[in-house]
Amino acid sequence: MGSGALILMDSRESARREFFPDYKSHRKSRHNQNPEKAEAIRSFKELLHEDPSLRKVEATGLEADDLVAIFITEGYDLPVRGRDKDLLAIPGIQLSDNGGDITLHHYSHKLQKRLAPLIKTPDDVLFSLVLLGDSSDDIPRLLPPRAMDLGAQLLSLKNPWPTALKLFGEKLLTNLYLAVLPGPFCYDPQPTPQEAYDLVSTGQWPPRGVLRKDVKEQLEELEARHVISR
């Protein structure tokens, strides 16, 4: 990859919020509580958007996490560093351990001790995120704190998804649709929640060869400019 950073940016629009209106809904009130900080963040993002000298990737409705996941799952040689636990759920992720901010070890030990020894792969991280929800993104929790033994039993299964679907039904499909990376919103045609579940539960996520045209064109342009390579 050429020298310098490649900036992957959240879209101003959110496909996840269109699908699930409560997604990250609490953040607006948090910004209202600290308007100066919110304005500083907004201004910084605008500078990034408007600066033509920066190498940026952005796609309508997608988050930076989706873009990181696309680069990884499409086989690009792109070092990844970050502090976002969601990155740990990307199939094939290889994270820099320089600083140790995000590793499976650190993520698992933030969970209840009953689950910690069972978190060994990105699939385990995704399953735990779907079960436990994510308060930072307003993804609802499915497994009550008093039922962590059930969570451990599920994670101990070779394939926990079918049993979890029987227990939680449509709520599981919704959480999975919001949490899986790259998100279903990256593809054309866009998988339904049931189709996404079918692929994830059989180890076939992400879909191959069906990236959205606008995303694919950006990747091809970056390759042509030798900014990225496989």
C-alpha atoms as a PDB file:
ATOM      1  CA  MET A   1       0.000   0.000   0.000  1.00  0.00           C
ATOM      2  CA  GLY A   2       1.234   3.519  -0.715  1.00  0.00           C
ATOM      3  CA  SER A   3       2.531   5.691   2.085  1.00  0.00           C
ATOM      4  CA  GLY A   4       0.117   7.585   4.300  1.00  0.00           C
ATOM      5  CA  ALA A   5      -3.155   6.716   5.954  1.00  0.00           C
ATOM      6  CA  LEU A   6      -6.379   5.676   4.282  1.00  0.00           C
ATOM      7  CA  ILE A   7      -9.309   7.234   6.125  1.00  0.00           C
ATOM      8  CA  LEU A   8     -12.474   5.129   6.258  1.00  0.00           C
ATOM      9  CA  MET A   9     -15.445   7.304   7.149  1.00  0.00           C
ATOM     10  CA  ASP A  10     -18.958   6.852   8.482  1.00  0.00           C
ATOM     11  CA  SER A  11     -21.633   7.980   6.061  1.00  0.00           C
ATOM     12  CA  ARG A  12     -23.798  10.919   7.075  1.00  0.00           C
ATOM     13  CA  GLU A  13     -26.766   8.590   6.530  1.00  0.00           C
ATOM     14  CA  SER A  14     -27.252   5.331   8.408  1.00  0.00           C
ATOM     15  CA  ALA A  15     -28.678   2.227   6.742  1.00  0.00           C
ATOM     16  CA  ARG A  16     -28.866   0.584  10.162  1.00  0.00           C
ATOM     17  CA  ARG A  17     -31.014   3.385  11.527  1.00  0.00           C
ATOM     18  CA  GLU A  18     -33.341   3.085   8.537  1.00  0.00           C
ATOM     19  CA  PHE A  19     -33.697  -0.616   9.337  1.00  0.00           C
ATOM     20  CA  PHE A  20     -33.914  -0.125  13.127  1.00  0.00           C
ATOM     21  CA  PRO A  21     -34.892   3.449  14.133  1.00  0.00           C
ATOM     22  CA  ASP A  22     -33.613   3.061  17.705  1.00  0.00           C
ATOM     23  CA  TYR A  23     -30.068   2.363  16.483  1.00  0.00           C
ATOM     24  CA  LYS A  24     -27.681   4.752  18.320  1.00  0.00           C
ATOM     25  CA  SER A  25     -30.708   6.809  19.337  1.00  0.00           C
ATOM     26  CA  HIS A  26     -29.299   7.713  22.776  1.00  0.00           C
ATOM     27  CA  ARG A  27     -26.322   9.515  21.249  1.00  0.00           C
ATOM     28  CA  LYS A  28     -28.394  12.539  20.312  1.00  0.00           C
ATOM     29  CA  SER A  29     -29.266  13.183  23.960  1.00  0.00           C
ATOM     30  CA  ARG A  30     -25.612  12.674  24.904  1.00  0.00           C
ATOM     31  CA  HIS A  31     -24.603  15.305  22.369  1.00  0.00           C
ATOM     32  CA  ASN A  32     -27.232  17.657  23.767  1.00  0.00           C
ATOM     33  CA  GLN A  33     -25.641  17.297  27.194  1.00  0.00           C
ATOM     34  CA  ASN A  34     -22.263  18.430  25.849  1.00  0.00           C
ATOM     35  CA  PRO A  35     -22.972  20.671  22.845  1.00  0.00           C
ATOM     36  CA  GLU A  36     -19.433  22.111  22.664  1.00  0.00           C
ATOM     37  CA  LYS A  37     -17.880  18.660  22.331  1.00  0.00           C
ATOM     38  CA  ALA A  38     -20.543  17.605  19.814  1.00  0.00           C
ATOM     39  CA  GLU A  39     -19.872  20.709  17.712  1.00  0.00           C
ATOM     40  CA  ALA A  40     -16.117  20.125  17.790  1.00  0.00           C
ATOM     41  CA  ILE A  41     -16.617  16.551  16.572  1.00  0.00           C
ATOM     42  CA  ARG A  42     -19.030  17.699  13.868  1.00  0.00           C
ATOM     43  CA  SER A  43     -16.614  20.380  12.665  1.00  0.00           C
ATOM     44  CA  PHE A  44     -13.719  17.922  12.555  1.00  0.00           C
ATOM     45  CA  LYS A  45     -15.770  15.472  10.498  1.00  0.00           C
ATOM     46  CA  GLU A  46     -16.701  18.233   8.077  1.00  0.00           C
ATOM     47  CA  LEU A  47     -13.027  19.134   7.644  1.00  0.00           C
ATOM     48  CA  LEU A  48     -12.272  15.511   6.807  1.00  0.00           C
ATOM     49  CA  HIS A  49     -15.114  15.386   4.309  1.00  0.00           C
ATOM     50  CA  GLU A  50     -14.077  18.606   2.571  1.00  0.00           C
ATOM     51  CA  ASP A  51     -10.285  18.174   2.434  1.00  0.00           C
ATOM     52  CA  PRO A  52      -9.460  16.916  -1.095  1.00  0.00           C
ATOM     53  CA  SER A  53      -5.880  16.047  -0.134  1.00  0.00           C
ATOM     54  CA  LEU A  54      -6.947  13.217   2.175  1.00  0.00           C
ATOM     55  CA  ARG A  55      -7.384   9.665   0.914  1.00  0.00           C
ATOM     56  CA  LYS A  56     -10.889   8.788   2.035  1.00  0.00           C
ATOM     57  CA  VAL A  57     -13.413   6.021   1.465  1.00  0.00           C
ATOM     58  CA  GLU A  58     -17.085   6.608   2.207  1.00  0.00           C
ATOM     59  CA  ALA A  59     -20.269   4.897   1.016  1.00  0.00           C
ATOM     60  CA  THR A  60     -23.844   6.014   1.567  1.00  0.00           C
ATOM     61  CA  GLY A  61     -25.429   4.382   4.591  1.00  0.00           C
ATOM     62  CA  LEU A  62     -22.310   2.481   5.669  1.00  0.00           C
ATOM     63  CA  GLU A  63     -20.120   2.855   8.747  1.00  0.00           C
ATOM     64  CA  ALA A  64     -16.340   2.839   8.854  1.00  0.00           C
ATOM     65  CA  ASP A  65     -16.545  -0.614  10.484  1.00  0.00           C
ATOM     66  CA  ASP A  66     -18.280  -1.902   7.351  1.00  0.00           C
ATOM     67  CA  LEU A  67     -15.503  -0.532   5.188  1.00  0.00           C
ATOM     68  CA  VAL A  68     -12.767  -2.044   7.369  1.00  0.00           C
ATOM     69  CA  ALA A  69     -14.573  -5.374   7.167  1.00  0.00           C
ATOM     70  CA  ILE A  70     -14.845  -5.141   3.370  1.00  0.00           C
ATOM     71  CA  PHE A  71     -11.113  -4.558   3.008  1.00  0.00           C
ATOM     72  CA  ILE A  72     -10.335  -7.514   5.268  1.00  0.00           C
ATOM     73  CA  THR A  73     -12.821  -9.989   3.811  1.00  0.00           C
ATOM     74  CA  GLU A  74     -11.961  -9.005   0.220  1.00  0.00           C
ATOM     75  CA  GLY A  75      -8.338  -9.905   0.898  1.00  0.00           C
ATOM     76  CA  TYR A  76      -6.641  -6.498   0.860  1.00  0.00           C
ATOM     77  CA  ASP A  77      -3.317  -6.075   2.652  1.00  0.00           C
ATOM     78  CA  LEU A  78      -4.422  -3.374   5.063  1.00  0.00           C
ATOM     79  CA  PRO A  79      -3.058  -3.164   8.619  1.00  0.00           C
ATOM     80  CA  VAL A  80      -5.852  -2.542  11.106  1.00  0.00           C
ATOM     81  CA  ARG A  81      -5.574  -0.852  14.455  1.00  0.00           C
ATOM     82  CA  GLY A  82      -8.410   0.358  16.599  1.00  0.00           C
ATOM     83  CA  ARG A  83     -10.223   0.235  19.909  1.00  0.00           C
ATOM     84  CA  ASP A  84     -13.661  -0.839  18.717  1.00  0.00           C
ATOM     85  CA  LYS A  85     -14.733  -4.265  19.962  1.00  0.00           C
ATOM     86  CA  ASP A  86     -16.974  -4.693  16.896  1.00  0.00           C
ATOM     87  CA  LEU A  87     -13.856  -5.148  14.759  1.00  0.00           C
ATOM     88  CA  LEU A  88     -13.198  -8.415  16.558  1.00  0.00           C
ATOM     89  CA  ALA A  89     -16.256  -9.927  14.869  1.00  0.00           C
ATOM     90  CA  ILE A  90     -14.848  -9.507  11.345  1.00  0.00           C
ATOM     91  CA  PRO A  91     -14.122 -12.869   9.680  1.00  0.00           C
ATOM     92  CA  GLY A  92     -10.388 -13.209   9.058  1.00  0.00           C
ATOM     93  CA  ILE A  93      -9.447 -10.118  11.075  1.00  0.00           C
ATOM     94  CA  GLN A  94      -5.806  -9.738  12.053  1.00  0.00           C
ATOM     95  CA  LEU A  95      -5.336  -6.882  14.470  1.00  0.00           C
ATOM     96  CA  SER A  96      -2.171  -5.128  15.462  1.00  0.00           C
ATOM     97  CA  ASP A  97      -1.344  -6.113  19.018  1.00  0.00           C
ATOM     98  CA  ASN A  98       0.774  -2.989  19.396  1.00  0.00           C
ATOM     99  CA  GLY A  99      -0.773  -1.448  22.484  1.00  0.00           C
ATOM    100  CA  GLY A 100      -3.187  -4.334  22.970  1.00  0.00           C
ATOM    101  CA  ASP A 101      -6.327  -2.213  22.786  1.00  0.00           C
ATOM    102  CA  ILE A 102      -8.435  -4.800  20.988  1.00  0.00           C
ATOM    103  CA  THR A 103      -7.708  -8.487  21.268  1.00  0.00           C
ATOM    104  CA  LEU A 104      -9.947 -11.473  21.823  1.00  0.00           C
ATOM    105  CA  HIS A 105      -8.337 -11.821  25.237  1.00  0.00           C
ATOM    106  CA  HIS A 106      -9.267  -8.316  26.327  1.00  0.00           C
ATOM    107  CA  TYR A 107     -12.759  -8.522  24.891  1.00  0.00           C
ATOM    108  CA  SER A 108     -13.580 -11.832  26.544  1.00  0.00           C
ATOM    109  CA  HIS A 109     -12.404 -10.645  29.947  1.00  0.00           C
ATOM    110  CA  LYS A 110     -14.826  -7.746  29.830  1.00  0.00           C
ATOM    111  CA  LEU A 111     -17.636 -10.288  29.686  1.00  0.00           C
ATOM    112  CA  GLN A 112     -19.043 -12.206  32.599  1.00  0.00           C
ATOM    113  CA  LYS A 113     -16.520 -14.817  33.738  1.00  0.00           C
ATOM    114  CA  ARG A 114     -18.932 -17.572  32.733  1.00  0.00           C
ATOM    115  CA  LEU A 115     -18.512 -16.648  29.055  1.00  0.00           C
ATOM    116  CA  ALA A 116     -14.900 -15.449  28.952  1.00  0.00           C
ATOM    117  CA  PRO A 117     -13.222 -18.858  28.358  1.00  0.00           C
ATOM    118  CA  LEU A 118     -15.572 -19.571  25.442  1.00  0.00           C
ATOM    119  CA  ILE A 119     -14.693 -16.511  23.320  1.00  0.00           C
ATOM    120  CA  LYS A 120     -12.029 -17.844  20.963  1.00  0.00           C
ATOM    121  CA  THR A 121     -12.937 -16.747  17.420  1.00  0.00           C
ATOM    122  CA  PRO A 122     -14.585 -13.817  15.582  1.00  0.00           C
ATOM    123  CA  ASP A 123     -17.710 -16.007  15.288  1.00  0.00           C
ATOM    124  CA  ASP A 124     -17.835 -16.245  19.084  1.00  0.00           C
ATOM    125  CA  VAL A 125     -17.548 -12.469  19.368  1.00  0.00           C
ATOM    126  CA  LEU A 126     -20.399 -11.942  16.910  1.00  0.00           C
ATOM    127  CA  PHE A 127     -22.606 -14.457  18.679  1.00  0.00           C
ATOM    128  CA  SER A 128     -21.957 -12.843  22.063  1.00  0.00           C
ATOM    129  CA  LEU A 129     -22.675  -9.373  20.654  1.00  0.00           C
ATOM    130  CA  VAL A 130     -25.976 -10.617  19.244  1.00  0.00           C
ATOM    131  CA  LEU A 131     -26.959 -12.244  22.551  1.00  0.00           C
ATOM    132  CA  LEU A 132     -25.776  -9.478  24.879  1.00  0.00           C
ATOM    133  CA  GLY A 133     -26.663  -6.526  22.685  1.00  0.00           C
ATOM    134  CA  ASP A 134     -24.652  -3.328  22.637  1.00  0.00           C
ATOM    135  CA  SER A 135     -25.759  -0.425  24.792  1.00  0.00           C
ATOM    136  CA  SER A 136     -23.411   1.959  22.947  1.00  0.00           C
ATOM    137  CA  ASP A 137     -25.363   1.289  19.719  1.00  0.00           C
ATOM    138  CA  ASP A 138     -28.774   0.714  21.364  1.00  0.00           C
ATOM    139  CA  ILE A 139     -28.863  -2.879  20.140  1.00  0.00           C
ATOM    140  CA  PRO A 140     -31.173  -4.578  22.678  1.00  0.00           C
ATOM    141  CA  ARG A 141     -29.949  -7.309  24.975  1.00  0.00           C
ATOM    142  CA  LEU A 142     -31.547 -10.721  24.415  1.00  0.00           C
ATOM    143  CA  LEU A 143     -29.916 -12.713  27.234  1.00  0.00           C
ATOM    144  CA  PRO A 144     -30.774 -11.444  30.736  1.00  0.00           C
ATOM    145  CA  PRO A 145     -27.863 -11.130  33.210  1.00  0.00           C
ATOM    146  CA  ARG A 146     -29.369 -13.910  35.313  1.00  0.00           C
ATOM    147  CA  ALA A 147     -29.218 -16.300  32.329  1.00  0.00           C
ATOM    148  CA  MET A 148     -25.476 -16.295  31.678  1.00  0.00           C
ATOM    149  CA  ASP A 149     -25.365 -20.059  32.210  1.00  0.00           C
ATOM    150  CA  LEU A 150     -27.655 -20.386  29.192  1.00  0.00           C
ATOM    151  CA  GLY A 151     -25.286 -18.166  27.218  1.00  0.00           C
ATOM    152  CA  ALA A 152     -22.381 -20.416  28.164  1.00  0.00           C
ATOM    153  CA  GLN A 153     -24.334 -23.503  27.106  1.00  0.00           C
ATOM    154  CA  LEU A 154     -25.092 -21.926  23.732  1.00  0.00           C
ATOM    155  CA  LEU A 155     -21.492 -20.863  23.128  1.00  0.00           C
ATOM    156  CA  SER A 156     -20.383 -24.396  23.972  1.00  0.00           C
ATOM    157  CA  LEU A 157     -22.365 -25.781  21.032  1.00  0.00           C
ATOM    158  CA  LYS A 158     -20.574 -26.449  17.761  1.00  0.00           C
ATOM    159  CA  ASN A 159     -23.180 -24.299  16.007  1.00  0.00           C
ATOM    160  CA  PRO A 160     -25.253 -22.271  18.484  1.00  0.00           C
ATOM    161  CA  TRP A 161     -27.260 -20.290  15.933  1.00  0.00           C
ATOM    162  CA  PRO A 162     -30.203 -22.698  15.312  1.00  0.00           C
ATOM    163  CA  THR A 163     -30.843 -23.138  19.043  1.00  0.00           C
ATOM    164  CA  ALA A 164     -30.588 -19.398  19.632  1.00  0.00           C
ATOM    165  CA  LEU A 165     -33.046 -18.744  16.800  1.00  0.00           C
ATOM    166  CA  LYS A 166     -35.571 -21.081  18.422  1.00  0.00           C
ATOM    167  CA  LEU A 167     -35.160 -19.202  21.708  1.00  0.00           C
ATOM    168  CA  PHE A 168     -35.181 -15.607  20.471  1.00  0.00           C
ATOM    169  CA  GLY A 169     -36.788 -15.696  17.005  1.00  0.00           C
ATOM    170  CA  GLU A 170     -37.063 -12.410  15.082  1.00  0.00           C
ATOM    171  CA  LYS A 171     -35.178 -10.504  17.793  1.00  0.00           C
ATOM    172  CA  LEU A 172     -32.107 -12.609  17.079  1.00  0.00           C
ATOM    173  CA  LEU A 173     -32.416 -11.912  13.342  1.00  0.00           C
ATOM    174  CA  THR A 174     -32.652  -8.170  14.030  1.00  0.00           C
ATOM    175  CA  ASN A 175     -29.615  -8.085  16.309  1.00  0.00           C
ATOM    176  CA  LEU A 176     -27.584 -10.158  13.878  1.00  0.00           C
ATOM    177  CA  TYR A 177     -28.534  -7.856  11.000  1.00  0.00           C
ATOM    178  CA  LEU A 178     -27.271  -4.866  12.984  1.00  0.00           C
ATOM    179  CA  ALA A 179     -24.096  -6.477  14.343  1.00  0.00           C
ATOM    180  CA  VAL A 180     -22.656  -8.603  11.531  1.00  0.00           C
ATOM    181  CA  LEU A 181     -19.709  -7.163   9.589  1.00  0.00           C
ATOM    182  CA  PRO A 182     -19.555  -6.334   6.757  1.00  0.00           C
ATOM    183  CA  GLY A 183     -23.199  -5.334   7.182  1.00  0.00           C
ATOM    184  CA  PRO A 184     -25.877  -6.624   4.779  1.00  0.00           C
ATOM    185  CA  PHE A 185     -26.158  -3.032   3.533  1.00  0.00           C
ATOM    186  CA  CYS A 186     -22.820  -3.453   1.705  1.00  0.00           C
ATOM    187  CA  TYR A 187     -24.235  -5.836  -0.894  1.00  0.00           C
ATOM    188  CA  ASP A 188     -26.463  -5.790  -3.940  1.00  0.00           C
ATOM    189  CA  PRO A 189     -28.900  -7.406  -3.811  1.00  0.00           C
ATOM    190  CA  GLN A 190     -29.079  -6.744  -0.089  1.00  0.00           C
ATOM    191  CA  PRO A 191     -29.692  -9.939   1.892  1.00  0.00           C
ATOM    192  CA  THR A 192     -32.808 -10.062   4.051  1.00  0.00           C
ATOM    193  CA  PRO A 193     -32.437 -10.735   7.792  1.00  0.00           C
ATOM    194  CA  GLN A 194     -33.302 -14.388   7.196  1.00  0.00           C
ATOM    195  CA  GLU A 195     -30.828 -14.678   4.324  1.00  0.00           C
ATOM    196  CA  ALA A 196     -28.089 -13.062   6.425  1.00  0.00           C
ATOM    197  CA  TYR A 197     -28.826 -15.535   9.223  1.00  0.00           C
ATOM    198  CA  ASP A 198     -28.712 -18.475   6.798  1.00  0.00           C
ATOM    199  CA  LEU A 199     -25.253 -17.433   5.597  1.00  0.00           C
ATOM    200  CA  VAL A 200     -23.854 -16.647   9.043  1.00  0.00           C
ATOM    201  CA  SER A 201     -25.202 -19.811  10.640  1.00  0.00           C
ATOM    202  CA  THR A 202     -23.611 -21.971   7.935  1.00  0.00           C
ATOM    203  CA  GLY A 203     -20.244 -20.194   7.969  1.00  0.00           C
ATOM    204  CA  GLN A 204     -20.737 -18.525   4.589  1.00  0.00           C
ATOM    205  CA  TRP A 205     -20.672 -14.866   5.605  1.00  0.00           C
ATOM    206  CA  PRO A 206     -19.839 -12.550   3.953  1.00  0.00           C
ATOM    207  CA  PRO A 207     -21.504 -13.012   0.555  1.00  0.00           C
ATOM    208  CA  ARG A 208     -18.971 -13.161  -2.280  1.00  0.00           C
ATOM    209  CA  GLY A 209     -18.925 -11.207  -5.504  1.00  0.00           C
ATOM    210  CA  VAL A 210     -21.970  -9.036  -4.837  1.00  0.00           C
ATOM    211  CA  LEU A 211     -20.511  -5.804  -3.415  1.00  0.00           C
ATOM    212  CA  ARG A 212     -22.497  -2.675  -4.134  1.00  0.00           C
ATOM    213  CA  LYS A 213     -21.391  -0.971  -7.349  1.00  0.00           C
ATOM    214  CA  ASP A 214     -20.353   2.268  -5.618  1.00  0.00           C
ATOM    215  CA  VAL A 215     -18.192   0.376  -3.109  1.00  0.00           C
ATOM    216  CA  LYS A 216     -16.623  -1.845  -5.758  1.00  0.00           C
ATOM    217  CA  GLU A 217     -15.772   1.159  -7.933  1.00  0.00           C
ATOM    218  CA  GLN A 218     -13.954   2.857  -5.048  1.00  0.00           C
ATOM    219  CA  LEU A 219     -11.912  -0.272  -4.393  1.00  0.00           C
ATOM    220  CA  GLU A 220     -10.998  -0.571  -8.074  1.00  0.00           C
ATOM    221  CA  GLU A 221      -9.932   3.083  -8.186  1.00  0.00           C
ATOM    222  CA  LEU A 222      -7.734   2.685  -5.103  1.00  0.00           C
ATOM    223  CA  GLU A 223      -6.144  -0.418  -6.629  1.00  0.00           C
ATOM    224  CA  ALA A 224      -5.478   1.421  -9.888  1.00  0.00           C
ATOM    225  CA  ARG A 225      -3.738   4.206  -7.931  1.00  0.00           C
ATOM    226  CA  HIS A 226      -1.713   1.576  -6.002  1.00  0.00           C
ATOM    227  CA  VAL A 227      -3.167   2.819  -2.727  1.00  0.00           C
ATOM    228  CA  ILE A 228      -4.270  -0.690  -1.796  1.00  0.00           C
ATOM    229  CA  SER A 229      -3.282  -4.156  -2.934  1.00  0.00           C
ATOM    230  CA  ARG A 230      -4.287  -7.737  -2.267  1.00  0.00           C
END
